[in-house]
Amino acid sequence: MRPHPLFGTLEVRICDSQSNIKDTMAISALLVSLVARLASDYDKGRKLQIINTRELDENIWRALRFGLDGNLVDFKKQREVPVTDVIRELIEFTSVMHEKLGLKKYISSIAEILDDGNGAQKQIRLYEEKNDVGAVFSEVLESNPLI
C-alpha cells in the first residue's frame, strides 16, 4: 500500500486480482483493518515501523514469485517465515478493528484461503487433476454467481 501522490488516496498494488468475490471481500477487509489499525496507532502517537526499501523489495519479489506457498524474510527475527504465518500475525495485529468496523465475517474467510488455498492454487490443482483449461475456466465461473 502507498499513498497516491496526486489523488490523496491509498493504493493497494498487490493481491488485487482474486478469482472469486468472497476472497476479494476477505482481503479487502484485512487491508481496511490494517489501515485503520495503523491510523489509530499513529493518532495515539505510536511510532510506525519503517521498512527499508531493499527489505520491502525482497519480500515483494518473494510474494510475487511464490504466493502463499512461499516464505518472507522477517528482518527483525533475521529468518524466513511462511507467508501464511505472516498473514495470521497480520490478522491478530488488526483484530481490534475487525469487530469495530463490522468486518469480522469477511476476515473469517481468510482462514479458508489459508487452509484450502487461494484462487491460483486451486486453479493449478484443478488443472493438474483434469489437464483441461476449460474445466478451470468453468470452475471459476461456477464459483462466482455474479459473473
C-alpha atoms as a PDB file:
ATOM      1  CA  MET A   1       0.000   0.000   0.000  1.00  0.00           C
ATOM      2  CA  ARG A   2       1.134   3.511  -0.662  1.00  0.00           C
ATOM      3  CA  PRO A   3      -0.386   6.974  -0.707  1.00  0.00           C
ATOM      4  CA  HIS A   4      -1.168   8.217  -4.200  1.00  0.00           C
ATOM      5  CA  PRO A   5       0.756  11.463  -4.703  1.00  0.00           C
ATOM      6  CA  LEU A   6      -1.975  13.197  -6.712  1.00  0.00           C
ATOM      7  CA  PHE A   7      -5.332  11.841  -5.522  1.00  0.00           C
ATOM      8  CA  GLY A   8      -4.887  11.713  -1.745  1.00  0.00           C
ATOM      9  CA  THR A   9      -5.938   8.071  -1.722  1.00  0.00           C
ATOM     10  CA  LEU A  10      -4.262   4.858  -0.702  1.00  0.00           C
ATOM     11  CA  GLU A  11      -3.267   2.445  -3.476  1.00  0.00           C
ATOM     12  CA  VAL A  12      -3.200  -1.282  -2.997  1.00  0.00           C
ATOM     13  CA  ARG A  13      -0.794  -2.566  -5.593  1.00  0.00           C
ATOM     14  CA  ILE A  14      -0.662  -6.291  -4.838  1.00  0.00           C
ATOM     15  CA  CYS A  15      -3.134  -9.118  -4.342  1.00  0.00           C
ATOM     16  CA  ASP A  16      -5.827  -7.208  -6.171  1.00  0.00           C
ATOM     17  CA  SER A  17      -6.938  -9.852  -8.649  1.00  0.00           C
ATOM     18  CA  GLN A  18      -8.842 -12.645  -6.945  1.00  0.00           C
ATOM     19  CA  SER A  19     -10.725 -15.422  -8.674  1.00  0.00           C
ATOM     20  CA  ASN A  20     -13.854 -15.008  -6.554  1.00  0.00           C
ATOM     21  CA  ILE A  21     -15.733 -12.263  -4.792  1.00  0.00           C
ATOM     22  CA  LYS A  22     -15.585 -13.886  -1.357  1.00  0.00           C
ATOM     23  CA  ASP A  23     -11.762 -13.831  -1.389  1.00  0.00           C
ATOM     24  CA  THR A  24     -11.765 -10.247  -2.651  1.00  0.00           C
ATOM     25  CA  MET A  25     -14.005  -9.201   0.237  1.00  0.00           C
ATOM     26  CA  ALA A  26     -11.824 -11.040   2.764  1.00  0.00           C
ATOM     27  CA  ILE A  27      -8.583  -9.475   1.565  1.00  0.00           C
ATOM     28  CA  SER A  28     -10.199  -6.042   1.273  1.00  0.00           C
ATOM     29  CA  ALA A  29     -11.466  -6.330   4.838  1.00  0.00           C
ATOM     30  CA  LEU A  30      -7.986  -7.232   6.062  1.00  0.00           C
ATOM     31  CA  LEU A  31      -6.475  -4.263   4.227  1.00  0.00           C
ATOM     32  CA  VAL A  32      -9.106  -1.874   5.610  1.00  0.00           C
ATOM     33  CA  SER A  33      -8.430  -3.259   9.096  1.00  0.00           C
ATOM     34  CA  LEU A  34      -4.700  -2.744   8.630  1.00  0.00           C
ATOM     35  CA  VAL A  35      -5.096   0.864   7.511  1.00  0.00           C
ATOM     36  CA  ALA A  36      -7.473   1.547  10.421  1.00  0.00           C
ATOM     37  CA  ARG A  37      -5.090  -0.043  12.936  1.00  0.00           C
ATOM     38  CA  LEU A  38      -2.069   1.871  11.640  1.00  0.00           C
ATOM     39  CA  ALA A  39      -4.038   5.149  11.547  1.00  0.00           C
ATOM     40  CA  SER A  40      -5.223   4.541  15.096  1.00  0.00           C
ATOM     41  CA  ASP A  41      -1.694   3.804  16.280  1.00  0.00           C
ATOM     42  CA  TYR A  42      -0.418   6.930  14.545  1.00  0.00           C
ATOM     43  CA  ASP A  43      -3.169   9.063  16.091  1.00  0.00           C
ATOM     44  CA  LYS A  44      -2.172   7.703  19.509  1.00  0.00           C
ATOM     45  CA  GLY A  45       1.420   8.799  18.912  1.00  0.00           C
ATOM     46  CA  ARG A  46       2.809   5.303  18.438  1.00  0.00           C
ATOM     47  CA  LYS A  47       5.790   5.069  16.145  1.00  0.00           C
ATOM     48  CA  LEU A  48       5.122   3.190  12.942  1.00  0.00           C
ATOM     49  CA  GLN A  49       7.685   0.690  11.723  1.00  0.00           C
ATOM     50  CA  ILE A  50       9.798   1.979   8.871  1.00  0.00           C
ATOM     51  CA  ILE A  51      10.855  -0.729   6.464  1.00  0.00           C
ATOM     52  CA  ASN A  52      13.998  -0.422   4.398  1.00  0.00           C
ATOM     53  CA  THR A  53      13.184  -0.331   0.672  1.00  0.00           C
ATOM     54  CA  ARG A  54      15.621  -3.168  -0.064  1.00  0.00           C
ATOM     55  CA  GLU A  55      13.918  -5.369   2.510  1.00  0.00           C
ATOM     56  CA  LEU A  56      10.486  -4.482   1.205  1.00  0.00           C
ATOM     57  CA  ASP A  57      11.538  -5.215  -2.380  1.00  0.00           C
ATOM     58  CA  GLU A  58      12.884  -8.628  -1.365  1.00  0.00           C
ATOM     59  CA  ASN A  59       9.588  -9.631   0.211  1.00  0.00           C
ATOM     60  CA  ILE A  60       7.554  -8.212  -2.660  1.00  0.00           C
ATOM     61  CA  TRP A  61       9.568 -10.342  -5.077  1.00  0.00           C
ATOM     62  CA  ARG A  62       9.065 -13.416  -2.885  1.00  0.00           C
ATOM     63  CA  ALA A  63       5.318 -12.777  -2.654  1.00  0.00           C
ATOM     64  CA  LEU A  64       5.032 -12.356  -6.413  1.00  0.00           C
ATOM     65  CA  ARG A  65       7.138 -15.424  -7.167  1.00  0.00           C
ATOM     66  CA  PHE A  66       5.842 -17.902  -4.575  1.00  0.00           C
ATOM     67  CA  GLY A  67       2.495 -16.539  -3.330  1.00  0.00           C
ATOM     68  CA  LEU A  68       1.021 -18.334  -0.329  1.00  0.00           C
ATOM     69  CA  ASP A  69       3.428 -21.250  -0.838  1.00  0.00           C
ATOM     70  CA  GLY A  70       6.487 -19.142  -0.077  1.00  0.00           C
ATOM     71  CA  ASN A  71       8.387 -17.582   2.770  1.00  0.00           C
ATOM     72  CA  LEU A  72       9.046 -13.957   3.588  1.00  0.00           C
ATOM     73  CA  VAL A  73      12.076 -12.624   5.393  1.00  0.00           C
ATOM     74  CA  ASP A  74      11.351 -11.357   8.891  1.00  0.00           C
ATOM     75  CA  PHE A  75      14.191  -8.877   9.138  1.00  0.00           C
ATOM     76  CA  LYS A  76      13.674  -8.290  12.870  1.00  0.00           C
ATOM     77  CA  LYS A  77      13.927 -12.017  13.622  1.00  0.00           C
ATOM     78  CA  GLN A  78      16.534 -12.462  10.861  1.00  0.00           C
ATOM     79  CA  ARG A  79      14.903 -15.579   9.470  1.00  0.00           C
ATOM     80  CA  GLU A  80      12.427 -16.738   6.860  1.00  0.00           C
ATOM     81  CA  VAL A  81       8.830 -17.289   7.882  1.00  0.00           C
ATOM     82  CA  PRO A  82       5.962 -18.849   5.931  1.00  0.00           C
ATOM     83  CA  VAL A  83       3.686 -16.313   4.237  1.00  0.00           C
ATOM     84  CA  THR A  84       0.711 -17.979   5.929  1.00  0.00           C
ATOM     85  CA  ASP A  85       2.244 -17.270   9.361  1.00  0.00           C
ATOM     86  CA  VAL A  86       2.755 -13.622   8.417  1.00  0.00           C
ATOM     87  CA  ILE A  87      -0.905 -13.395   7.384  1.00  0.00           C
ATOM     88  CA  ARG A  88      -2.035 -14.960  10.664  1.00  0.00           C
ATOM     89  CA  GLU A  89       0.095 -12.415  12.555  1.00  0.00           C
ATOM     90  CA  LEU A  90      -1.472  -9.645  10.470  1.00  0.00           C
ATOM     91  CA  ILE A  91      -4.956 -10.896  11.344  1.00  0.00           C
ATOM     92  CA  GLU A  92      -4.018 -10.838  15.031  1.00  0.00           C
ATOM     93  CA  PHE A  93      -2.453  -7.366  14.732  1.00  0.00           C
ATOM     94  CA  THR A  94      -5.613  -5.968  13.122  1.00  0.00           C
ATOM     95  CA  SER A  95      -8.102  -7.930  15.259  1.00  0.00           C
ATOM     96  CA  VAL A  96      -9.079  -4.915  17.334  1.00  0.00           C
ATOM     97  CA  MET A  97     -10.533  -3.356  14.174  1.00  0.00           C
ATOM     98  CA  HIS A  98     -12.439  -6.363  12.808  1.00  0.00           C
ATOM     99  CA  GLU A  99     -15.478  -6.064  15.035  1.00  0.00           C
ATOM    100  CA  LYS A 100     -15.205  -2.305  15.449  1.00  0.00           C
ATOM    101  CA  LEU A 101     -15.562  -1.885  11.664  1.00  0.00           C
ATOM    102  CA  GLY A 102     -18.036  -4.734  11.118  1.00  0.00           C
ATOM    103  CA  LEU A 103     -15.524  -6.772   9.111  1.00  0.00           C
ATOM    104  CA  LYS A 104     -15.267  -9.908  11.242  1.00  0.00           C
ATOM    105  CA  LYS A 105     -17.473 -12.015   8.932  1.00  0.00           C
ATOM    106  CA  TYR A 106     -15.203 -11.215   5.981  1.00  0.00           C
ATOM    107  CA  ILE A 107     -11.948 -11.718   7.876  1.00  0.00           C
ATOM    108  CA  SER A 108     -13.045 -15.216   8.896  1.00  0.00           C
ATOM    109  CA  SER A 109     -12.878 -16.224   5.220  1.00  0.00           C
ATOM    110  CA  ILE A 110      -9.114 -15.717   5.246  1.00  0.00           C
ATOM    111  CA  ALA A 111      -8.723 -18.886   7.327  1.00  0.00           C
ATOM    112  CA  GLU A 112     -10.407 -20.778   4.485  1.00  0.00           C
ATOM    113  CA  ILE A 113      -7.977 -19.267   1.985  1.00  0.00           C
ATOM    114  CA  LEU A 114      -5.012 -20.269   4.141  1.00  0.00           C
ATOM    115  CA  ASP A 115      -6.379 -23.797   4.645  1.00  0.00           C
ATOM    116  CA  ASP A 116      -7.796 -24.520   1.167  1.00  0.00           C
ATOM    117  CA  GLY A 117      -5.591 -22.299  -0.987  1.00  0.00           C
ATOM    118  CA  ASN A 118      -6.192 -19.129  -2.904  1.00  0.00           C
ATOM    119  CA  GLY A 119      -7.674 -18.953  -6.395  1.00  0.00           C
ATOM    120  CA  ALA A 120      -4.349 -19.515  -8.124  1.00  0.00           C
ATOM    121  CA  GLN A 121      -3.532 -22.574  -6.020  1.00  0.00           C
ATOM    122  CA  LYS A 122      -6.979 -24.051  -6.588  1.00  0.00           C
ATOM    123  CA  GLN A 123      -6.778 -23.440 -10.322  1.00  0.00           C
ATOM    124  CA  ILE A 124      -3.349 -25.060 -10.547  1.00  0.00           C
ATOM    125  CA  ARG A 125      -4.573 -28.109  -8.594  1.00  0.00           C
ATOM    126  CA  LEU A 126      -7.646 -28.405 -10.822  1.00  0.00           C
ATOM    127  CA  TYR A 127      -5.558 -28.116 -13.979  1.00  0.00           C
ATOM    128  CA  GLU A 128      -3.151 -30.771 -12.697  1.00  0.00           C
ATOM    129  CA  GLU A 129      -6.103 -33.083 -11.950  1.00  0.00           C
ATOM    130  CA  LYS A 130      -8.015 -32.560 -15.206  1.00  0.00           C
ATOM    131  CA  ASN A 131      -5.354 -31.298 -17.614  1.00  0.00           C
ATOM    132  CA  ASP A 132      -8.078 -29.081 -19.063  1.00  0.00           C
ATOM    133  CA  VAL A 133      -8.019 -25.270 -19.099  1.00  0.00           C
ATOM    134  CA  GLY A 134     -11.737 -25.299 -19.942  1.00  0.00           C
ATOM    135  CA  ALA A 135     -12.507 -27.114 -16.687  1.00  0.00           C
ATOM    136  CA  VAL A 136     -10.551 -24.488 -14.768  1.00  0.00           C
ATOM    137  CA  PHE A 137     -12.416 -21.681 -16.527  1.00  0.00           C
ATOM    138  CA  SER A 138     -15.785 -23.352 -15.862  1.00  0.00           C
ATOM    139  CA  GLU A 139     -14.953 -23.762 -12.169  1.00  0.00           C
ATOM    140  CA  VAL A 140     -14.090 -20.075 -11.819  1.00  0.00           C
ATOM    141  CA  LEU A 141     -17.386 -19.126 -13.451  1.00  0.00           C
ATOM    142  CA  GLU A 142     -19.407 -21.579 -11.339  1.00  0.00           C
ATOM    143  CA  SER A 143     -17.824 -20.336  -8.106  1.00  0.00           C
ATOM    144  CA  ASN A 144     -18.789 -16.743  -8.940  1.00  0.00           C
ATOM    145  CA  PRO A 145     -22.547 -16.466  -9.367  1.00  0.00           C
ATOM    146  CA  LEU A 146     -22.332 -12.716 -10.011  1.00  0.00           C
ATOM    147  CA  ILE A 147     -20.183 -13.079 -13.134  1.00  0.00           C
END
